[in-house]
C-alpha cells in the first residue's frame, strides 16, 4: 500500500511538472515515454559517446532529455559551453542533488565536487587551491615527486632486465602507475609516507567505493519519492564501503593530528591546511572528522584516477604510433640532453605538451562533465533553462567536432603545434573553449595544474628511460574505452620495455 501511494504521488508530481513545462521553451529532444520521459534510455545514451553524439546530430547542439521529473539539458557545442561556463558562470556553477548514493559518498554534499555553489564550496575549494595547489606549494613537493618517480624508474629498470623473454616480461602499466601516483598523493594529503601495504589498501578501497557509487542511476534518483520503496543490495554495499573508508582513513587523520601537535607534520600537506581551517571560528563551515575523511578521499581519488589513466592512454598511443615515441625522444635529447628530465624542463618540451593535449582530447576522463545545476532561471542558446534543470556538457562532441579539429578521429599531436590548435589550452584563456577534459569556468577541476604536471613529468621520464613496445604475441594495442568512474581502457595496457641506458 505504501509503495502504491508513493508511486501515485510521484506520478502526480511529475504530471504537474510536465504541465508547467508547457509554458517553458525548453530545448528540443527525443520523444520519451509518458511520465518517465527518456529515463529508460539513459544508460544506453550516457554510457555511449556515439549514442549521445547521434542524438545531438538529430536534435541539435542543445537538447533536452526528460528523466522523470528532471529536465536534463545536454550541451554539445563549444560556443554554447563557453556561454554557459564562462560568460554566465555564476549561474551555471552549482551541482544538482540527484543520486542518493553520491550524497552518501560525499557526506551530504560536503566534498568540493558535490557541494552546491555557496559558502562551504567556496571555502574548501579556496583552501585547496591556495594551500595545496598554488605554484609555491606544488613546487615544495618536488623532492617527493623525485622520490616516487626514481622508485618507479628503478622498478621498471629491474623488470626490463629480467630474462623471462627476449624483450623482458610484460608490465601491467595501469597498476604500476596507480601505485606511484597514489603514493605521491597520499604523502601530499597526509604529510607522511605510507608503506606499500597501506597504499595498496587505501587505493583499493577507494577505487571500489567510487566505482560502486558511480555506476548507473536508478529510477529513484530522478523520482525522489520512490526512494522510500526502492533499495538495492548496492546501497548496502555502499554503506559497507563507506564504513571501511572511515576505518582506514580516520587513523591516518588522527596520526596526522598528533604529528601536527608535535610540529612534525609536513606543513604543505592537505591535512595541515584542513586542520587550520577546522580551527577557524567559521560557524557556517564547521568541518568535522567525517568531512576530513570525505575531502581526503576526494583529493586522493580525483588526482590518482585521472593521472594514472591519462598516463596509460598516453603510453598506449606512444606504443601504437612509433613515430610519436621517436619524435618525443628526439625532443627530450635535443632540449634536455642525457640528464633526467625535471619539472623545470617541461616548458621546453613543446611536443610533449602536444602529446598530452592530444591524449586528453582523444581520451578525456569522462564523456561529459560532472552535472551542473543553475541557480536561477535563464536563457541559453535562445531556450529557457529552468532552475530545476540539470546540465551536462558533452566533452566527447566538442573534442571531436570537425569544425574545431581537422580529422578528429586521427591521433595527431602536431595539431597543437600550429594552426587553431596552437592556442588551445585547458582553461579557455584564448577565449575559445575547445578542449575541456577538466571542465571549465568556476567548476573547472582545481587539480588541473598538478595533474598535468605529473602526467608531463612521468611520461617524459618513462620515454627517456625506456623503449616501449607491445608484448610479443599480443595483438595491436586495443584502444577500446569503457566507462567506469572515469573512461578507461577496456583491455588494460600490457607492455614490454627496454632500458635505453644502463
Protein backbone atom coordinates (compact mmCIF):
# COMPACT_ATOMS: atom_id res chain seq x y z
CA UNK A 1 0.00 0.00 0.00
CA UNK A 2 2.84 2.40 0.89
CA UNK A 3 4.60 1.58 -2.38
CA UNK A 4 1.41 2.21 -4.36
CA UNK A 5 0.84 5.59 -2.69
CA UNK A 6 4.47 6.62 -3.28
CA UNK A 7 4.27 5.78 -6.97
CA UNK A 8 0.91 7.56 -7.29
CA UNK A 9 2.23 10.72 -5.63
CA UNK A 10 5.39 10.60 -7.79
CA UNK A 11 3.32 10.31 -10.97
CA UNK A 12 1.10 13.19 -9.88
CA UNK A 13 4.13 15.37 -9.14
CA UNK A 14 5.69 14.51 -12.49
CA UNK A 15 2.42 15.28 -14.25
CA UNK A 16 2.21 18.71 -12.64
CA UNK A 17 5.79 19.44 -13.67
CA UNK A 18 5.06 18.37 -17.23
CA UNK A 19 2.07 20.70 -17.35
CA UNK A 20 4.14 23.59 -16.05
CA UNK A 21 6.79 22.93 -18.71
CA UNK A 22 4.33 23.61 -21.48
CA UNK A 23 4.83 27.25 -20.64
CA UNK A 24 8.63 26.82 -20.76
CA UNK A 25 10.53 26.88 -24.07
CA UNK A 26 12.94 24.04 -23.35
CA UNK A 27 15.48 22.84 -25.94
CA UNK A 28 14.19 20.06 -28.24
CA UNK A 29 14.92 16.41 -27.60
CA UNK A 30 13.94 12.82 -28.36
CA UNK A 31 10.48 11.54 -27.62
CA UNK A 32 10.13 9.51 -24.46
CA UNK A 33 7.56 7.55 -22.54
CA UNK A 34 4.67 9.26 -20.74
CA UNK A 35 5.71 10.49 -17.27
CA UNK A 36 9.06 8.66 -17.37
CA UNK A 37 10.33 10.66 -20.35
CA UNK A 38 13.68 9.31 -21.58
CA UNK A 39 14.59 7.66 -18.27
CA UNK A 40 14.65 4.12 -19.66
CA UNK A 41 17.06 5.22 -22.42
CA UNK A 42 19.54 6.95 -20.14
CA UNK A 43 22.01 4.11 -19.61
CA UNK A 44 22.44 3.41 -23.34
CA UNK A 45 22.69 7.13 -24.13
CA UNK A 46 25.05 8.36 -21.41
CA UNK A 47 27.09 5.14 -21.43
CA UNK A 48 27.98 5.51 -25.12
CA UNK A 49 29.51 8.69 -26.57
CA UNK A 50 28.37 7.69 -30.05
CA UNK A 51 24.75 7.31 -28.95
CA UNK A 52 24.88 10.74 -27.33
CA UNK A 53 26.59 12.15 -30.42
CA UNK A 54 23.90 10.71 -32.72
CA UNK A 55 21.16 12.29 -30.60
CA UNK A 56 22.96 15.64 -30.74
CA UNK A 57 23.11 15.41 -34.54
CA UNK A 58 19.37 14.75 -34.66
CA UNK A 59 18.19 17.32 -32.11
CA UNK A 60 20.88 19.97 -32.05
CA UNK A 61 23.83 21.23 -30.03
CA UNK A 62 21.48 21.90 -27.10
CA UNK A 63 18.84 19.30 -26.36
CA UNK A 64 16.66 18.08 -23.52
CA UNK A 65 16.40 14.53 -22.22
CA UNK A 66 13.38 14.22 -19.93
CA UNK A 67 14.21 11.96 -17.00
CA UNK A 68 11.25 11.60 -14.68
CA UNK A 69 10.72 14.96 -13.02
CA UNK A 70 14.12 16.34 -14.04
CA UNK A 71 14.90 18.02 -17.41
CA UNK A 72 18.46 17.07 -18.38
CA UNK A 73 19.94 19.56 -20.85
CA UNK A 74 22.94 18.35 -22.88
CA UNK A 75 25.30 20.91 -24.47
CA UNK A 76 27.38 19.65 -27.42
CA UNK A 77 28.69 22.95 -28.74
CA UNK A 78 31.89 24.81 -27.89
CA UNK A 79 30.16 28.18 -28.28
CA UNK A 80 27.22 27.27 -26.01
CA UNK A 81 29.57 25.73 -23.45
CA UNK A 82 31.56 28.98 -23.41
CA UNK A 83 28.36 31.00 -22.99
CA UNK A 84 27.25 28.88 -20.04
CA UNK A 85 30.51 28.14 -18.22
CA UNK A 86 32.45 31.34 -18.88
CA UNK A 87 30.07 34.17 -19.75
CA UNK A 88 27.30 33.03 -17.36
CA UNK A 89 29.50 31.08 -15.00
CA UNK A 90 27.87 32.35 -11.80
CA UNK A 91 24.51 30.93 -12.91
CA UNK A 92 25.76 27.53 -14.06
CA UNK A 93 28.16 26.75 -11.20
CA UNK A 94 26.05 24.74 -8.80
CA UNK A 95 25.53 20.98 -8.52
CA UNK A 96 22.25 19.05 -8.58
CA UNK A 97 21.41 16.54 -5.90
CA UNK A 98 20.17 13.57 -7.89
CA UNK A 99 21.84 10.45 -6.61
CA UNK A 100 21.27 9.28 -3.05
CA UNK A 101 24.45 7.23 -3.34
CA UNK A 102 26.52 10.30 -4.26
CA UNK A 103 25.02 12.19 -1.32
CA UNK A 104 26.06 9.34 0.99
CA UNK A 105 29.52 9.19 -0.54
CA UNK A 106 30.10 12.93 -0.09
CA UNK A 107 28.76 13.16 3.49
CA UNK A 108 25.66 15.07 2.42
CA UNK A 109 27.41 17.00 -0.37
CA UNK A 110 30.33 18.27 1.72
CA UNK A 111 33.03 17.40 -0.83
CA UNK A 112 34.28 20.02 -3.29
CA UNK A 113 32.89 18.25 -6.35
CA UNK A 114 29.45 17.56 -4.88
CA UNK A 115 28.87 20.76 -2.90
CA UNK A 116 26.31 23.25 -4.23
CA UNK A 117 27.53 26.73 -5.11
CA UNK A 118 27.82 28.62 -1.85
CA UNK A 119 29.91 29.41 1.21
CA UNK A 120 31.05 25.86 2.02
CA UNK A 121 32.11 25.15 -1.57
CA UNK A 122 33.95 28.46 -1.94
CA UNK A 123 35.79 28.00 1.36
CA UNK A 124 37.00 24.42 0.93
CA UNK A 125 37.87 24.95 -2.75
CA UNK A 126 39.79 28.16 -1.99
CA UNK A 127 41.64 26.34 0.79
CA UNK A 128 42.74 23.53 -1.55
CA UNK A 129 43.78 25.89 -4.33
CA UNK A 130 45.70 28.36 -2.16
CA UNK A 131 47.27 25.98 0.36
CA UNK A 132 47.99 22.84 -1.67
CA UNK A 133 47.72 23.59 -5.40
CA UNK A 134 49.34 27.03 -5.60
CA UNK A 135 52.60 27.12 -7.61
CA UNK A 136 54.62 27.67 -4.42
CA UNK A 137 53.07 24.67 -2.64
CA UNK A 138 53.29 22.44 -5.71
CA UNK A 139 56.99 23.30 -6.03
CA UNK A 140 57.52 22.38 -2.37
CA UNK A 141 56.62 18.78 -3.21
CA UNK A 142 59.31 18.46 -5.88
CA UNK A 143 61.53 16.23 -3.68
CA UNK A 144 58.57 13.89 -3.10
CA UNK A 145 57.95 13.69 -6.85
CA UNK A 146 61.61 12.95 -7.50
CA UNK A 147 61.48 10.17 -4.93
CA UNK A 148 58.46 8.31 -6.32
CA UNK A 149 59.49 8.74 -9.97
CA UNK A 150 63.00 7.47 -9.22
CA UNK A 151 61.49 4.46 -7.47
CA UNK A 152 59.22 3.87 -10.47
CA UNK A 153 62.11 4.06 -12.96
CA UNK A 154 64.24 1.71 -10.87
CA UNK A 155 61.39 -0.79 -10.53
CA UNK A 156 60.81 -0.76 -14.29
CA UNK A 157 64.54 -1.00 -14.96
CA UNK A 158 64.77 -4.14 -12.87
CA UNK A 159 61.74 -5.53 -14.70
CA UNK A 160 63.31 -4.84 -18.09
CA UNK A 161 66.47 -6.74 -17.11
CA UNK A 162 64.74 -9.98 -16.26
CA UNK A 163 65.36 -12.93 -18.57
CA UNK A 164 61.73 -14.13 -18.80
CA UNK A 165 61.67 -13.27 -22.51
CA UNK A 166 63.98 -11.66 -25.07
CA UNK A 167 62.15 -8.35 -24.71
CA UNK A 168 61.53 -8.53 -20.98
CA UNK A 169 58.34 -9.53 -19.14
CA UNK A 170 55.04 -7.78 -19.58
CA UNK A 171 54.40 -4.77 -17.37
CA UNK A 172 50.85 -4.19 -16.04
CA UNK A 173 51.00 -0.49 -16.85
CA UNK A 174 47.96 0.93 -15.05
CA UNK A 175 48.51 -0.92 -11.77
CA UNK A 176 52.16 0.17 -11.72
CA UNK A 177 51.32 3.79 -12.43
CA UNK A 178 48.45 3.92 -9.96
CA UNK A 179 50.72 2.81 -7.14
CA UNK A 180 53.27 5.51 -7.98
CA UNK A 181 50.71 8.30 -8.26
CA UNK A 182 48.79 7.18 -5.18
CA UNK A 183 51.99 7.02 -3.11
CA UNK A 184 52.78 10.61 -4.03
CA UNK A 185 49.26 11.92 -3.44
CA UNK A 186 48.94 10.12 -0.10
CA UNK A 187 52.09 11.93 1.06
CA UNK A 188 50.73 15.25 -0.19
CA UNK A 189 47.46 14.54 1.60
CA UNK A 190 48.56 13.07 4.94
CA UNK A 191 52.00 14.69 5.24
CA UNK A 192 53.59 11.29 5.88
CA UNK A 193 54.78 8.40 3.77
CA UNK A 194 52.62 5.28 3.83
CA UNK A 195 54.11 1.82 3.45
CA UNK A 196 53.31 -0.34 0.43
CA UNK A 197 50.53 -2.32 2.11
CA UNK A 198 48.82 0.85 3.37
CA UNK A 199 49.00 2.50 -0.07
CA UNK A 200 47.56 -0.58 -1.76
CA UNK A 201 44.85 -0.99 0.89
CA UNK A 202 43.61 2.60 0.75
CA UNK A 203 43.83 2.75 -3.05
CA UNK A 204 41.90 -0.49 -3.49
CA UNK A 205 39.18 0.52 -1.04
CA UNK A 206 38.65 3.98 -2.56
CA UNK A 207 38.52 2.56 -6.08
CA UNK A 208 35.84 0.06 -5.03
CA UNK A 209 33.92 2.84 -3.33
CA UNK A 210 33.80 5.24 -6.27
CA UNK A 211 33.01 2.54 -8.83
CA UNK A 212 30.22 1.25 -6.60
CA UNK A 213 28.73 4.72 -6.19
CA UNK A 214 29.32 5.79 -9.77
CA UNK A 215 27.55 3.01 -11.65
CA UNK A 216 24.27 3.78 -13.48
CA UNK A 217 21.45 5.58 -11.77
CA UNK A 218 18.11 4.24 -10.60
CA UNK A 219 14.61 5.48 -11.15
CA UNK A 220 14.53 6.85 -7.59
CA UNK A 221 17.45 9.16 -8.44
CA UNK A 222 15.09 11.04 -10.76
CA UNK A 223 11.76 10.39 -9.00
CA UNK A 224 12.83 11.14 -5.41
CA UNK A 225 9.63 9.91 -3.74
CA UNK A 226 10.46 6.38 -4.88
CA UNK A 227 13.48 6.34 -2.56
CA UNK A 228 11.28 5.10 0.28
CA UNK A 229 10.39 1.94 -1.65
CA UNK A 230 13.47 1.25 -3.77
CA UNK A 231 16.54 -0.11 -2.02
CA UNK A 232 19.08 -2.41 -3.58
CA UNK A 233 21.97 -4.62 -2.42
CA UNK A 234 24.23 -1.95 -3.95
CA UNK A 235 23.05 0.50 -1.30
CA UNK A 236 24.06 -1.92 1.43
CA UNK A 237 27.43 -2.48 -0.23
CA UNK A 238 27.98 1.25 -0.44
CA UNK A 239 27.26 1.68 3.26
CA UNK A 240 29.75 -1.10 3.99
CA UNK A 241 32.42 0.59 1.86
CA UNK A 242 31.77 4.00 3.45
CA UNK A 243 32.33 2.35 6.82
CA UNK A 244 35.53 0.75 5.55
CA UNK A 245 36.71 4.15 4.29
CA UNK A 246 36.27 5.56 7.78
CA UNK A 247 38.17 2.67 9.36
CA UNK A 248 41.14 3.16 7.02
CA UNK A 249 41.34 6.94 6.78
CA UNK A 250 40.40 8.13 10.28
CA UNK A 251 43.51 6.59 11.94
CA UNK A 252 45.70 8.30 9.33
CA UNK A 253 43.99 11.62 10.04
CA UNK A 254 44.32 11.13 13.80
CA UNK A 255 48.01 10.29 13.43
CA UNK A 256 48.46 13.43 11.35
CA UNK A 257 46.85 15.46 14.15
CA UNK A 258 49.37 14.06 16.63
CA UNK A 259 52.24 14.86 14.27
CA UNK A 260 50.86 18.38 13.80
CA UNK A 261 50.71 18.87 17.57
CA UNK A 262 54.38 17.85 17.76
CA UNK A 263 55.25 20.12 14.80
CA UNK A 264 56.31 17.05 12.77
CA UNK A 265 53.67 17.17 10.05
CA UNK A 266 54.60 18.48 6.61
CA UNK A 267 53.10 21.98 6.68
CA UNK A 268 52.46 21.84 2.94
CA UNK A 269 50.18 18.81 3.23
CA UNK A 270 46.47 18.97 2.51
CA UNK A 271 45.56 17.82 6.01
CA UNK A 272 47.68 20.56 7.56
CA UNK A 273 45.56 23.13 5.72
CA UNK A 274 42.33 21.38 6.72
CA UNK A 275 43.36 21.36 10.38
CA UNK A 276 43.93 25.13 10.16
CA UNK A 277 40.52 25.53 8.54
CA UNK A 278 38.97 23.43 11.30
CA UNK A 279 40.34 25.78 13.96
CA UNK A 280 38.81 28.89 12.40
CA UNK A 281 35.66 30.22 14.04
CA UNK A 282 33.55 29.84 10.94
CA UNK A 283 30.19 28.58 12.15
CA UNK A 284 28.92 28.13 8.59
CA UNK A 285 31.74 25.72 7.86
CA UNK A 286 32.25 23.53 10.96
CA UNK A 287 34.44 20.82 9.44
CA UNK A 288 34.01 17.50 11.25
CA UNK A 289 36.23 14.42 11.09
CA UNK A 290 33.70 12.96 8.64
CA UNK A 291 34.25 15.99 6.42
CA UNK A 292 38.01 15.47 6.58
CA UNK A 293 37.56 11.84 5.53
CA UNK A 294 35.45 12.90 2.54
CA UNK A 295 37.81 15.70 1.49
CA UNK A 296 40.90 13.49 1.77
CA UNK A 297 39.32 10.64 -0.19
CA UNK A 298 38.24 13.14 -2.87
CA UNK A 299 41.78 14.53 -3.13
CA UNK A 300 43.25 11.04 -3.48
CA UNK A 301 40.69 9.66 -5.92
CA UNK A 302 40.46 12.66 -8.22
CA UNK A 303 44.23 13.04 -8.52
CA UNK A 304 45.18 9.38 -8.80
CA UNK A 305 42.49 8.16 -11.15
CA UNK A 306 42.77 10.88 -13.77
CA UNK A 307 46.58 11.00 -13.72
CA UNK A 308 47.22 7.25 -13.90
CA UNK A 309 44.60 6.70 -16.62
CA UNK A 310 45.90 9.59 -18.74
CA UNK A 311 49.41 8.16 -18.48
CA UNK A 312 48.14 4.74 -19.56
CA UNK A 313 46.32 6.25 -22.56
CA UNK A 314 49.45 8.26 -23.42
CA UNK A 315 51.74 5.23 -23.34
CA UNK A 316 49.22 3.18 -25.32
CA UNK A 317 49.29 5.79 -28.08
CA UNK A 318 53.07 6.14 -27.90
CA UNK A 319 53.32 2.37 -28.50
CA UNK A 320 50.66 2.38 -31.20
CA UNK A 321 52.33 5.30 -33.02
CA UNK A 322 56.12 4.66 -33.06
CA UNK A 323 56.72 7.94 -34.89
CA UNK A 324 55.29 9.80 -31.90
CA UNK A 325 57.59 7.95 -29.50
CA UNK A 326 60.59 8.69 -31.72
CA UNK A 327 59.76 12.38 -32.05
CA UNK A 328 59.18 12.68 -28.30
CA UNK A 329 62.55 11.08 -27.55
CA UNK A 330 64.32 13.33 -30.06
CA UNK A 331 62.84 16.42 -28.41
CA UNK A 332 64.00 15.26 -24.98
CA UNK A 333 67.52 14.60 -26.28
CA UNK A 334 67.77 17.96 -28.05
CA UNK A 335 66.21 20.07 -25.27
CA UNK A 336 67.35 18.29 -22.10
CA UNK A 337 70.29 16.09 -23.08
CA UNK A 338 71.26 13.00 -21.11
CA UNK A 339 70.33 14.25 -17.66
CA UNK A 340 66.98 13.07 -16.22
CA UNK A 341 64.07 15.33 -17.16
CA UNK A 342 62.98 17.59 -14.31
CA UNK A 343 59.91 19.75 -13.96
CA UNK A 344 61.99 22.82 -14.86
CA UNK A 345 62.46 21.25 -18.30
CA UNK A 346 58.75 20.80 -19.06
CA UNK A 347 58.24 24.25 -20.59
CA UNK A 348 60.92 23.46 -23.18
CA UNK A 349 59.21 20.23 -24.29
CA UNK A 350 56.51 21.59 -26.58
CA UNK A 351 55.91 18.30 -28.39
CA UNK A 352 55.47 16.55 -25.03
CA UNK A 353 52.75 19.06 -24.19
CA UNK A 354 51.13 18.44 -27.56
CA UNK A 355 51.13 14.68 -26.92
CA UNK A 356 49.40 15.16 -23.57
CA UNK A 357 46.81 17.55 -25.06
CA UNK A 358 46.07 15.15 -27.89
CA UNK A 359 45.74 12.26 -25.45
CA UNK A 360 43.24 14.21 -23.36
CA UNK A 361 41.36 15.30 -26.49
CA UNK A 362 41.03 11.70 -27.68
CA UNK A 363 40.67 10.11 -24.24
CA UNK A 364 39.18 12.57 -21.73
CA UNK A 365 38.47 11.29 -18.21
CA UNK A 366 34.72 11.42 -18.95
CA UNK A 367 32.48 11.68 -21.99
CA UNK A 368 30.62 14.51 -20.26
CA UNK A 369 31.40 16.91 -17.45
CA UNK A 370 30.05 16.31 -13.99
CA UNK A 371 26.44 17.57 -13.84
CA UNK A 372 25.83 21.28 -13.38
CA UNK A 373 22.76 22.98 -11.95
CA UNK A 374 21.54 26.52 -12.49
CA UNK A 375 20.92 28.89 -9.61
CA UNK A 376 18.28 30.99 -11.38
CA UNK A 377 16.08 30.67 -14.49
CA UNK A 378 17.95 31.85 -17.56
CA UNK A 379 18.31 31.64 -21.34
CA UNK A 380 20.90 29.59 -23.20
CA UNK A 381 21.04 29.40 -26.97
CA UNK A 382 17.63 31.06 -27.10
CA UNK A 383 15.98 28.40 -24.93
CA UNK A 384 14.67 28.54 -21.36
CA UNK A 385 16.73 26.77 -18.71
CA UNK A 386 14.59 26.34 -15.58
CA UNK A 387 16.14 26.42 -12.14
CA UNK A 388 15.49 22.72 -11.51
CA UNK A 389 17.30 21.59 -14.69
CA UNK A 390 20.48 19.53 -14.74
CA UNK A 391 23.09 20.27 -17.41
CA UNK A 392 25.78 18.06 -18.93
CA UNK A 393 28.48 19.36 -21.26
CA UNK A 394 29.33 16.86 -23.97
CA UNK A 395 33.14 16.70 -23.88
CA UNK A 396 33.26 13.95 -26.50
CA UNK A 397 31.30 16.03 -29.03
CA UNK A 398 33.44 19.13 -28.52
CA UNK A 399 36.70 17.16 -28.67
CA UNK A 400 35.60 15.50 -31.94
CA UNK A 401 33.89 18.44 -33.63
CA UNK A 402 35.20 18.56 -37.24
CA UNK A 403 34.61 22.31 -37.27
CA UNK A 404 37.14 22.63 -34.47
CA UNK A 405 39.54 19.80 -35.28
CA UNK A 406 40.70 18.58 -38.70
CA UNK A 407 40.36 14.79 -38.99
CA UNK A 408 39.32 14.45 -35.32
CA UNK A 409 39.46 10.62 -35.41
CA UNK A 410 43.21 10.77 -36.06
CA UNK A 411 45.72 10.81 -33.19
CA UNK A 412 47.93 13.72 -34.20
CA UNK A 413 49.80 15.76 -31.54
CA UNK A 414 51.06 18.09 -34.28
CA UNK A 415 47.61 19.72 -34.41
CA UNK A 416 48.60 21.58 -31.22
CA UNK A 417 51.82 22.96 -32.69
CA UNK A 418 50.33 25.05 -35.48
CA UNK A 419 47.05 26.40 -36.76
CA UNK A 420 43.99 26.84 -34.49
CA UNK A 421 45.17 24.14 -32.10
CA UNK A 422 48.35 26.04 -31.20
CA UNK A 423 46.39 28.41 -28.94
CA UNK A 424 44.19 25.70 -27.36
CA UNK A 425 44.54 25.20 -23.64
CA UNK A 426 42.57 23.65 -20.81
CA UNK A 427 41.28 26.93 -19.35
CA UNK A 428 39.83 28.74 -22.42
CA UNK A 429 42.23 31.62 -21.74
CA UNK A 430 42.34 32.32 -25.50
CA UNK A 431 38.59 32.93 -25.48
CA UNK A 432 37.83 29.65 -27.25
CA UNK A 433 36.56 26.68 -25.29
CA UNK A 434 37.55 23.70 -27.42
CA UNK A 435 39.45 21.46 -25.02
CA UNK A 436 37.64 20.78 -21.75
CA UNK A 437 38.70 17.40 -20.29
CA UNK A 438 38.77 19.06 -16.85
CA UNK A 439 35.59 21.12 -17.25
CA UNK A 440 35.74 24.90 -17.46
CA UNK A 441 34.84 28.08 -15.63
CA UNK A 442 34.22 28.22 -11.91
CA UNK A 443 33.81 24.45 -11.63
CA UNK A 444 36.97 23.59 -13.54
CA UNK A 445 38.94 20.85 -11.79
CA UNK A 446 41.12 22.65 -9.20
CA UNK A 447 43.84 20.00 -9.58
CA UNK A 448 44.29 20.59 -13.32
CA UNK A 449 47.78 22.09 -12.95
CA UNK A 450 49.01 19.39 -10.58
CA UNK A 451 47.61 16.55 -12.68
CA UNK A 452 49.12 17.81 -15.93
CA UNK A 453 52.48 18.40 -14.22
CA UNK A 454 52.52 14.79 -13.04
CA UNK A 455 51.49 13.47 -16.46
CA UNK A 456 54.13 15.54 -18.30
CA UNK A 457 56.92 14.66 -15.89
CA UNK A 458 56.24 10.92 -15.60
CA UNK A 459 55.62 10.46 -19.34
CA UNK A 460 58.84 12.31 -20.23
CA UNK A 461 60.91 10.23 -17.82
CA UNK A 462 59.39 6.93 -18.97
CA UNK A 463 60.05 7.66 -22.64
CA UNK A 464 63.53 8.98 -21.84
CA UNK A 465 64.45 5.88 -19.88
CA UNK A 466 62.72 3.10 -21.85
CA UNK A 467 61.66 1.99 -25.28
CA UNK A 468 58.02 0.94 -25.07
CA UNK A 469 56.59 -1.90 -27.17
CA UNK A 470 53.70 -4.35 -27.31
CA UNK A 471 54.05 -7.75 -25.67
CA UNK A 472 55.29 -10.35 -28.19
CA UNK A 473 52.37 -12.46 -29.35
CA UNK A 474 49.77 -9.86 -28.36
CA UNK A 475 47.63 -8.22 -30.98
CA UNK A 476 47.93 -4.48 -31.58
CA UNK A 477 47.15 -2.11 -28.72
CA UNK A 478 43.39 -2.07 -28.16
CA UNK A 479 42.14 1.47 -27.55
CA UNK A 480 38.53 0.41 -26.92
CA UNK A 481 37.24 2.51 -23.99
CA UNK A 482 34.87 1.55 -21.21
CA UNK A 483 33.15 3.82 -18.69
CA UNK A 484 33.95 3.12 -15.04
CA UNK A 485 34.38 6.01 -12.62
CA UNK A 486 36.39 7.53 -15.46
CA UNK A 487 36.85 6.32 -19.04
CA UNK A 488 39.49 3.58 -19.02
CA UNK A 489 40.94 1.07 -21.46
CA UNK A 490 38.68 -1.97 -21.75
CA UNK A 491 41.79 -4.13 -22.10
CA UNK A 492 44.37 -2.75 -19.64
CA UNK A 493 47.65 -1.99 -21.36
CA UNK A 494 50.42 -4.55 -21.12
CA UNK A 495 53.80 -3.52 -22.45
CA UNK A 496 57.39 -4.61 -22.70
CA UNK A 497 60.23 -2.17 -22.34
CA UNK A 498 63.96 -1.93 -22.94
CA UNK A 499 66.18 0.35 -20.94
CA UNK A 500 67.72 2.98 -23.21
CA UNK A 501 70.69 3.40 -20.89
CA UNK A 502 72.26 1.41 -18.06
